[in-house]
N, C-alpha and C. Protein backbone atom coordinates (compact mmCIF):
# COMPACT_ATOMS: atom_id res chain seq x y z
N MET A 1 -116.61 -43.66 -96.19
CA MET A 1 -116.48 -45.06 -95.87
C MET A 1 -115.02 -45.44 -95.64
N VAL A 2 -114.13 -45.01 -96.53
CA VAL A 2 -112.71 -45.31 -96.38
C VAL A 2 -112.16 -44.62 -95.14
N LEU A 3 -112.56 -43.39 -94.91
CA LEU A 3 -112.08 -42.67 -93.73
C LEU A 3 -112.52 -43.38 -92.45
N GLU A 4 -113.75 -43.85 -92.41
CA GLU A 4 -114.23 -44.57 -91.23
C GLU A 4 -113.42 -45.85 -91.00
N PHE A 5 -113.09 -46.55 -92.07
CA PHE A 5 -112.25 -47.75 -91.96
C PHE A 5 -110.88 -47.38 -91.39
N ARG A 6 -110.28 -46.31 -91.91
CA ARG A 6 -108.96 -45.88 -91.40
C ARG A 6 -109.05 -45.48 -89.94
N LYS A 7 -110.13 -44.83 -89.54
CA LYS A 7 -110.30 -44.45 -88.13
C LYS A 7 -110.37 -45.68 -87.24
N GLN A 8 -111.14 -46.68 -87.66
CA GLN A 8 -111.25 -47.91 -86.87
C GLN A 8 -109.92 -48.64 -86.80
N LEU A 9 -109.21 -48.68 -87.92
CA LEU A 9 -107.92 -49.34 -87.96
C LEU A 9 -106.91 -48.61 -87.07
N GLY A 10 -106.86 -47.30 -87.14
CA GLY A 10 -105.96 -46.52 -86.30
C GLY A 10 -106.26 -46.72 -84.82
N LYS A 11 -107.53 -46.76 -84.49
CA LYS A 11 -107.94 -46.98 -83.10
C LYS A 11 -107.49 -48.36 -82.64
N ARG A 12 -107.65 -49.35 -83.49
CA ARG A 12 -107.25 -50.72 -83.15
C ARG A 12 -105.73 -50.82 -82.96
N ILE A 13 -104.98 -50.17 -83.82
CA ILE A 13 -103.51 -50.15 -83.68
C ILE A 13 -103.13 -49.54 -82.34
N ARG A 14 -103.73 -48.41 -82.02
CA ARG A 14 -103.43 -47.74 -80.75
C ARG A 14 -103.80 -48.62 -79.55
N GLU A 15 -104.97 -49.27 -79.61
CA GLU A 15 -105.39 -50.14 -78.51
C GLU A 15 -104.39 -51.28 -78.28
N ILE A 16 -103.97 -51.91 -79.35
CA ILE A 16 -103.02 -53.02 -79.22
C ILE A 16 -101.69 -52.51 -78.71
N ARG A 17 -101.22 -51.40 -79.27
CA ARG A 17 -99.94 -50.82 -78.83
C ARG A 17 -99.97 -50.51 -77.35
N GLU A 18 -101.04 -49.87 -76.90
CA GLU A 18 -101.15 -49.51 -75.48
C GLU A 18 -101.29 -50.75 -74.60
N SER A 19 -101.99 -51.78 -75.07
CA SER A 19 -102.13 -53.00 -74.27
C SER A 19 -100.80 -53.71 -74.08
N LYS A 20 -99.87 -53.46 -74.99
CA LYS A 20 -98.53 -54.05 -74.89
C LYS A 20 -97.54 -53.09 -74.23
N ASN A 21 -98.06 -51.99 -73.71
CA ASN A 21 -97.24 -50.97 -73.05
C ASN A 21 -96.10 -50.48 -73.92
N LEU A 22 -96.40 -50.26 -75.19
CA LEU A 22 -95.41 -49.74 -76.12
C LEU A 22 -95.74 -48.28 -76.44
N SER A 23 -94.74 -47.47 -76.53
CA SER A 23 -94.96 -46.09 -76.93
C SER A 23 -95.11 -46.02 -78.44
N ARG A 24 -95.68 -44.94 -78.89
CA ARG A 24 -95.81 -44.72 -80.33
C ARG A 24 -94.43 -44.70 -80.98
N GLU A 25 -93.48 -44.10 -80.30
CA GLU A 25 -92.12 -43.99 -80.84
C GLU A 25 -91.44 -45.36 -80.93
N GLU A 26 -91.69 -46.24 -79.96
CA GLU A 26 -91.09 -47.57 -80.01
C GLU A 26 -91.59 -48.36 -81.23
N VAL A 27 -92.89 -48.29 -81.46
CA VAL A 27 -93.45 -49.00 -82.61
C VAL A 27 -92.96 -48.35 -83.90
N ALA A 28 -92.96 -47.04 -83.94
CA ALA A 28 -92.48 -46.33 -85.13
C ALA A 28 -91.03 -46.69 -85.44
N PHE A 29 -90.19 -46.73 -84.42
CA PHE A 29 -88.78 -47.08 -84.62
C PHE A 29 -88.65 -48.47 -85.23
N SER A 30 -89.43 -49.43 -84.71
CA SER A 30 -89.40 -50.80 -85.24
C SER A 30 -89.83 -50.87 -86.69
N CYS A 31 -90.67 -49.94 -87.10
CA CYS A 31 -91.17 -49.90 -88.48
C CYS A 31 -90.34 -49.01 -89.39
N ASN A 32 -89.37 -48.33 -88.81
CA ASN A 32 -88.57 -47.35 -89.54
C ASN A 32 -89.43 -46.16 -90.00
N PHE A 33 -90.37 -45.77 -89.12
CA PHE A 33 -91.21 -44.60 -89.33
C PHE A 33 -90.80 -43.54 -88.30
N SER A 34 -91.28 -42.33 -88.50
CA SER A 34 -91.14 -41.32 -87.46
C SER A 34 -92.31 -41.46 -86.50
N GLY A 35 -92.14 -40.96 -85.29
CA GLY A 35 -93.22 -40.98 -84.32
C GLY A 35 -94.44 -40.20 -84.80
N SER A 36 -94.19 -39.10 -85.48
CA SER A 36 -95.30 -38.28 -85.97
C SER A 36 -96.07 -39.00 -87.08
N TYR A 37 -95.36 -39.76 -87.91
CA TYR A 37 -96.03 -40.55 -88.96
C TYR A 37 -96.92 -41.61 -88.32
N MET A 38 -96.40 -42.26 -87.29
CA MET A 38 -97.18 -43.28 -86.59
C MET A 38 -98.44 -42.64 -85.98
N GLY A 39 -98.30 -41.46 -85.43
CA GLY A 39 -99.45 -40.74 -84.88
C GLY A 39 -100.48 -40.42 -85.94
N MET A 40 -100.02 -40.05 -87.12
CA MET A 40 -100.93 -39.76 -88.23
C MET A 40 -101.71 -41.01 -88.63
N ILE A 41 -101.06 -42.18 -88.59
CA ILE A 41 -101.75 -43.43 -88.90
C ILE A 41 -102.81 -43.70 -87.84
N GLU A 42 -102.44 -43.56 -86.57
CA GLU A 42 -103.40 -43.84 -85.49
C GLU A 42 -104.58 -42.88 -85.50
N ARG A 43 -104.37 -41.66 -85.96
CA ARG A 43 -105.45 -40.66 -86.01
C ARG A 43 -106.16 -40.63 -87.37
N ALA A 44 -105.82 -41.56 -88.24
CA ALA A 44 -106.44 -41.68 -89.57
C ALA A 44 -106.23 -40.44 -90.43
N GLU A 45 -105.10 -39.79 -90.26
CA GLU A 45 -104.80 -38.59 -91.03
C GLU A 45 -104.01 -38.89 -92.31
N TYR A 46 -103.67 -40.14 -92.49
CA TYR A 46 -102.83 -40.50 -93.64
C TYR A 46 -103.29 -41.84 -94.20
N ASP A 47 -103.42 -41.90 -95.50
CA ASP A 47 -103.78 -43.14 -96.19
C ASP A 47 -102.48 -43.85 -96.55
N PHE A 48 -102.25 -45.00 -95.96
CA PHE A 48 -100.96 -45.69 -96.12
C PHE A 48 -101.12 -47.01 -96.86
N LYS A 49 -100.00 -47.54 -97.31
CA LYS A 49 -100.00 -48.80 -98.06
C LYS A 49 -100.08 -50.00 -97.12
N ILE A 50 -100.54 -51.10 -97.66
CA ILE A 50 -100.67 -52.34 -96.89
C ILE A 50 -99.32 -52.81 -96.38
N SER A 51 -98.25 -52.51 -97.09
CA SER A 51 -96.92 -52.92 -96.63
C SER A 51 -96.57 -52.25 -95.30
N LYS A 52 -97.05 -51.06 -95.08
CA LYS A 52 -96.82 -50.37 -93.81
C LYS A 52 -97.62 -51.03 -92.70
N LEU A 53 -98.82 -51.48 -93.02
CA LEU A 53 -99.65 -52.18 -92.05
C LEU A 53 -98.97 -53.48 -91.62
N TYR A 54 -98.36 -54.15 -92.56
CA TYR A 54 -97.61 -55.39 -92.27
C TYR A 54 -96.47 -55.09 -91.29
N LYS A 55 -95.75 -54.00 -91.51
CA LYS A 55 -94.65 -53.62 -90.61
C LYS A 55 -95.17 -53.33 -89.21
N ILE A 56 -96.30 -52.66 -89.13
CA ILE A 56 -96.89 -52.34 -87.82
C ILE A 56 -97.26 -53.62 -87.09
N ALA A 57 -97.90 -54.56 -87.78
CA ALA A 57 -98.26 -55.83 -87.15
C ALA A 57 -97.03 -56.56 -86.64
N LYS A 58 -95.97 -56.56 -87.42
CA LYS A 58 -94.72 -57.21 -86.99
C LYS A 58 -94.15 -56.51 -85.75
N ALA A 59 -94.17 -55.19 -85.74
CA ALA A 59 -93.65 -54.43 -84.60
C ALA A 59 -94.46 -54.69 -83.34
N LEU A 60 -95.77 -54.94 -83.51
CA LEU A 60 -96.63 -55.23 -82.37
C LEU A 60 -96.61 -56.72 -82.00
N ASP A 61 -95.89 -57.50 -82.79
CA ASP A 61 -95.77 -58.95 -82.59
C ASP A 61 -97.13 -59.64 -82.64
N ILE A 62 -97.90 -59.28 -83.66
CA ILE A 62 -99.21 -59.89 -83.86
C ILE A 62 -99.35 -60.29 -85.33
N ASP A 63 -100.32 -61.15 -85.59
CA ASP A 63 -100.67 -61.48 -86.96
C ASP A 63 -101.49 -60.30 -87.51
N ILE A 64 -101.28 -59.97 -88.73
CA ILE A 64 -101.97 -58.82 -89.33
C ILE A 64 -103.48 -58.94 -89.21
N LYS A 65 -104.01 -60.15 -89.18
CA LYS A 65 -105.46 -60.36 -89.05
C LYS A 65 -106.02 -59.79 -87.75
N GLU A 66 -105.19 -59.69 -86.72
CA GLU A 66 -105.65 -59.17 -85.43
C GLU A 66 -105.99 -57.68 -85.47
N LEU A 67 -105.58 -57.02 -86.52
CA LEU A 67 -105.88 -55.59 -86.64
C LEU A 67 -107.30 -55.34 -87.14
N PHE A 68 -107.96 -56.38 -87.60
CA PHE A 68 -109.30 -56.22 -88.19
C PHE A 68 -110.38 -56.82 -87.35
């Protein structure tokens, strides 16, 4: 159940990022993450803290609610 949630969330992050024509590295840089870490989040390979989700929403210039 948790893995499915992470998969949906990662997919949503990727969809929004791509709709804004942002590269994974651009968003990662804004969050002070590595590009590979950002990829792991999008592919649901890593369980991350809510504070990281907040940084991603800010980097995408969206309200965190839009990720759900």
